Amino acid sequence: MLEFSGNLKEMNHLFRKNGNIEKDKFKKPFWLGDDPLKQIYENLNILYQSGKVVYAFLVQANEILFKRFPPFNCPANIIFSLDEFYKSNPMELQNISQELYSYKNEGDTPPEIKQITDSITDEMNRLFNIPIPLDITENKQVYFTTIMVHRNHLPKGKLISSLFPVVCDLNSTNTSIILPKKYWTKDFICFYNGPMNMY
């Protein structure tokens, strides 16, 4: 089993030491326009200056992101946490992700998560860094957010595993990015590409 905490520490080190916003090539999609996702690109400098690498778990994504073609970049919903617990136990985020997704297109959503589940149902609705109620997360702070998935930052150019590292800075911006793959450890890439990670 992967030693998650050590790999996360190493990925943070690699990003802080070698992160290069110019070389990492964040290309805006042609359709972006005034979409709230544009702030991701406006805040890249902040994330590269002070962002922290944490584990995130996928809630939902456009189905084309699980294939190599068509090679479009698309939005996705994720959850992530800065809590120390998830550094070593990131797969525990899976249960929270599944619970949130279970309310998609349902009319009996608990009111305390309705904002989040409405965004899951309406995939054009963007939310950024929304705290998930603590009774769902066993009193650990977890956030729901929308990101843009850039294929050039993923091994094999597509989503394979639902668990991956992201860069966030809750103090300075409400946007997050997937950590470009050049800063992933070899062990985490192996985990990500593994056959057990098809969620």
Protein backbone atom coordinates (compact mmCIF):
# COMPACT_ATOMS: atom_id res chain seq x y z
CA MET A 1 0.00 0.00 0.00
CA LEU A 2 1.26 3.46 -0.86
CA GLU A 3 2.69 5.53 1.98
CA PHE A 4 0.48 8.52 1.30
CA SER A 5 1.88 11.02 3.79
CA GLY A 6 5.48 10.65 2.67
CA ASN A 7 4.56 10.94 -0.98
CA LEU A 8 2.49 14.06 -0.31
CA LYS A 9 5.42 15.63 1.52
CA GLU A 10 7.72 14.87 -1.38
CA MET A 11 5.25 16.28 -3.93
CA ASN A 12 5.01 19.48 -1.89
CA HIS A 13 8.81 19.69 -1.91
CA LEU A 14 9.04 19.13 -5.66
CA PHE A 15 6.42 21.78 -6.36
CA ARG A 16 7.93 24.37 -4.05
CA LYS A 17 11.44 23.77 -5.41
CA ASN A 18 10.71 23.40 -9.11
CA GLY A 19 7.25 24.87 -9.80
CA ASN A 20 7.31 26.94 -12.98
CA ILE A 21 4.06 28.58 -14.08
CA GLU A 22 5.40 29.38 -17.55
CA LYS A 23 6.59 25.87 -18.37
CA ASP A 24 3.51 24.14 -16.99
CA LYS A 25 1.27 25.55 -19.73
CA PHE A 26 -2.22 26.20 -18.43
CA LYS A 27 -4.18 26.75 -21.62
CA LYS A 28 -7.60 28.37 -21.31
CA PRO A 29 -10.36 26.46 -23.10
CA PHE A 30 -11.82 28.30 -26.08
CA TRP A 31 -15.32 28.29 -24.57
CA LEU A 32 -14.40 29.87 -21.22
CA GLY A 33 -15.62 33.44 -21.81
CA ASP A 34 -17.07 34.89 -18.60
CA ASP A 35 -17.36 31.50 -16.91
CA PRO A 36 -16.38 31.83 -13.21
CA LEU A 37 -13.68 29.26 -13.90
CA LYS A 38 -11.66 32.06 -15.52
CA GLN A 39 -10.48 33.06 -12.05
CA ILE A 40 -8.41 29.89 -11.94
CA TYR A 41 -6.16 31.37 -14.60
CA GLU A 42 -6.18 34.78 -12.94
CA ASN A 43 -4.96 33.27 -9.66
CA LEU A 44 -2.26 30.90 -10.93
CA ASN A 45 0.51 33.17 -9.67
CA ILE A 46 -0.91 32.96 -6.14
CA LEU A 47 -1.03 29.17 -6.24
CA TYR A 48 2.55 28.97 -7.49
CA GLN A 49 3.80 31.41 -4.89
CA SER A 50 2.06 30.10 -1.78
CA GLY A 51 -0.09 27.09 -2.70
CA LYS A 52 0.04 23.85 -0.74
CA VAL A 53 -0.30 20.36 -2.21
CA VAL A 54 -3.06 18.23 -0.67
CA TYR A 55 -5.00 15.16 -1.71
CA ALA A 56 -8.33 15.55 -3.49
CA PHE A 57 -11.03 13.07 -4.44
CA LEU A 58 -13.22 13.32 -7.51
CA VAL A 59 -16.97 13.80 -7.06
CA GLN A 60 -17.87 14.06 -10.74
CA ALA A 61 -16.34 15.02 -14.07
CA ASN A 62 -17.34 15.26 -17.70
CA GLU A 63 -17.25 11.72 -19.08
CA ILE A 64 -14.89 12.65 -21.91
CA LEU A 65 -12.15 13.26 -19.33
CA PHE A 66 -11.95 9.49 -18.79
CA LYS A 67 -11.00 9.01 -22.46
CA ARG A 68 -8.04 10.24 -24.52
CA PHE A 69 -10.28 11.68 -27.23
CA PRO A 70 -11.71 14.20 -27.79
CA PRO A 71 -8.75 15.87 -26.05
CA PHE A 72 -10.67 18.71 -24.41
CA ASN A 73 -10.03 20.20 -20.98
CA CYS A 74 -13.22 20.25 -18.89
CA PRO A 75 -14.43 21.14 -15.38
CA ALA A 76 -14.81 18.68 -12.53
CA ASN A 77 -16.05 18.72 -8.95
CA ILE A 78 -13.71 17.54 -6.22
CA ILE A 79 -13.41 17.49 -2.46
CA PHE A 80 -10.18 18.12 -0.58
CA SER A 81 -8.92 18.73 2.93
CA LEU A 82 -5.95 20.24 4.74
CA ASP A 83 -6.66 18.12 7.81
CA GLU A 84 -3.65 16.09 8.95
CA PHE A 85 -5.78 12.92 8.95
CA TYR A 86 -6.17 12.93 5.17
CA LYS A 87 -2.45 13.23 4.53
CA SER A 88 -2.16 9.59 5.58
CA ASN A 89 -5.73 8.47 4.85
CA PRO A 90 -6.86 10.23 1.66
CA MET A 91 -9.01 7.31 0.53
CA GLU A 92 -11.34 8.15 3.40
CA LEU A 93 -12.49 11.04 1.23
CA GLN A 94 -14.17 8.49 -1.04
CA ASN A 95 -17.12 7.91 1.29
CA ILE A 96 -17.81 11.65 1.50
CA SER A 97 -17.61 11.97 -2.28
CA GLN A 98 -20.02 9.09 -2.80
CA GLU A 99 -22.50 10.47 -0.29
CA LEU A 100 -22.57 13.86 -1.98
CA TYR A 101 -22.93 12.33 -5.44
CA SER A 102 -25.77 10.06 -4.29
CA TYR A 103 -28.02 13.12 -4.09
CA LYS A 104 -27.53 14.09 -7.73
CA ASN A 105 -30.97 14.59 -9.35
CA GLU A 106 -32.65 13.74 -6.05
CA GLY A 107 -35.34 15.91 -4.51
CA ASP A 108 -34.86 14.98 -0.86
CA THR A 109 -31.42 16.49 -0.32
CA PRO A 110 -30.67 17.56 3.28
CA PRO A 111 -30.84 21.37 3.34
CA GLU A 112 -27.33 21.74 4.78
CA ILE A 113 -25.77 20.30 1.59
CA LYS A 114 -28.34 21.44 -0.97
CA GLN A 115 -26.06 24.15 -2.37
CA ILE A 116 -23.43 21.50 -3.08
CA THR A 117 -25.78 18.86 -4.47
CA ASP A 118 -27.52 21.43 -6.66
CA SER A 119 -24.13 22.19 -8.18
CA ILE A 120 -23.53 18.47 -8.78
CA THR A 121 -26.90 18.21 -10.53
CA ASP A 122 -26.40 21.37 -12.59
CA GLU A 123 -22.92 20.92 -13.99
CA MET A 124 -22.82 24.54 -15.19
CA ASN A 125 -23.07 25.75 -11.59
CA ARG A 126 -19.62 26.61 -10.21
CA LEU A 127 -18.81 26.50 -6.51
CA PHE A 128 -15.44 27.20 -4.93
CA ASN A 129 -14.15 26.01 -1.54
CA ILE A 130 -17.52 25.34 0.07
CA PRO A 131 -17.13 23.72 3.54
CA ILE A 132 -18.94 20.40 3.85
CA PRO A 133 -20.98 20.00 7.06
CA LEU A 134 -18.88 18.43 9.79
CA ASP A 135 -21.46 15.76 10.60
CA ILE A 136 -20.74 14.29 7.16
CA THR A 137 -16.97 14.47 7.54
CA GLU A 138 -16.62 13.18 11.11
CA ASN A 139 -15.66 16.66 12.34
CA LYS A 140 -12.81 17.11 9.87
CA GLN A 141 -12.87 20.14 7.60
CA VAL A 142 -13.38 19.13 3.98
CA TYR A 143 -14.14 21.43 1.05
CA PHE A 144 -16.12 21.02 -2.16
CA THR A 145 -14.87 22.94 -5.19
CA THR A 146 -14.85 23.15 -8.97
CA ILE A 147 -11.61 22.83 -10.91
CA MET A 148 -10.50 22.68 -14.52
CA VAL A 149 -8.90 19.39 -15.54
CA HIS A 150 -5.89 20.02 -17.79
CA ARG A 151 -5.05 16.78 -19.55
CA ASN A 152 -1.38 17.66 -20.00
CA HIS A 153 -1.06 17.57 -16.21
CA LEU A 154 -2.32 13.98 -15.87
CA PRO A 155 -0.51 10.70 -16.53
CA LYS A 156 -1.77 9.25 -19.81
CA GLY A 157 -3.68 12.47 -20.46
CA LYS A 158 -6.93 11.41 -18.81
CA LEU A 159 -8.60 10.72 -15.49
CA ILE A 160 -7.81 7.23 -14.27
CA SER A 161 -7.96 7.35 -10.48
CA SER A 162 -10.38 9.47 -8.48
CA LEU A 163 -7.59 10.39 -6.05
CA PHE A 164 -4.95 12.93 -7.10
CA PRO A 165 -2.95 15.85 -5.67
CA VAL A 166 -4.16 19.43 -6.04
CA VAL A 167 -2.68 22.82 -5.19
CA CYS A 168 -4.75 25.17 -3.04
CA ASP A 169 -4.31 28.26 -0.87
CA LEU A 170 -7.38 28.87 1.27
CA ASN A 171 -5.96 32.11 2.64
CA SER A 172 -5.42 33.85 -0.68
CA THR A 173 -7.65 32.35 -3.38
CA ASN A 174 -10.73 30.19 -3.70
CA THR A 175 -9.37 28.35 -6.73
CA SER A 176 -7.38 25.13 -6.99
CA ILE A 177 -5.50 23.25 -9.70
CA ILE A 178 -4.44 19.67 -10.18
CA LEU A 179 -0.74 19.40 -9.40
CA PRO A 180 1.03 19.00 -12.77
CA LYS A 181 2.28 15.44 -13.15
CA LYS A 182 5.95 16.49 -13.39
CA TYR A 183 5.80 17.11 -9.61
CA TRP A 184 4.17 13.76 -8.75
CA THR A 185 6.32 11.07 -7.18
CA LYS A 186 6.98 7.91 -9.17
CA ASP A 187 5.21 5.88 -6.49
CA PHE A 188 2.09 8.03 -6.66
CA ILE A 189 2.02 7.85 -10.47
CA CYS A 190 2.19 4.06 -10.16
CA PHE A 191 -0.70 4.14 -7.68
CA TYR A 192 -2.71 6.48 -9.89
CA ASN A 193 -2.25 4.25 -12.94
CA GLY A 194 -3.04 1.06 -11.02
CA PRO A 195 -5.99 -1.19 -12.00
CA MET A 196 -7.51 -0.85 -8.52
CA ASN A 197 -8.13 2.86 -9.03
CA MET A 198 -11.01 2.80 -11.48
CA TYR A 199 -13.73 4.45 -9.38
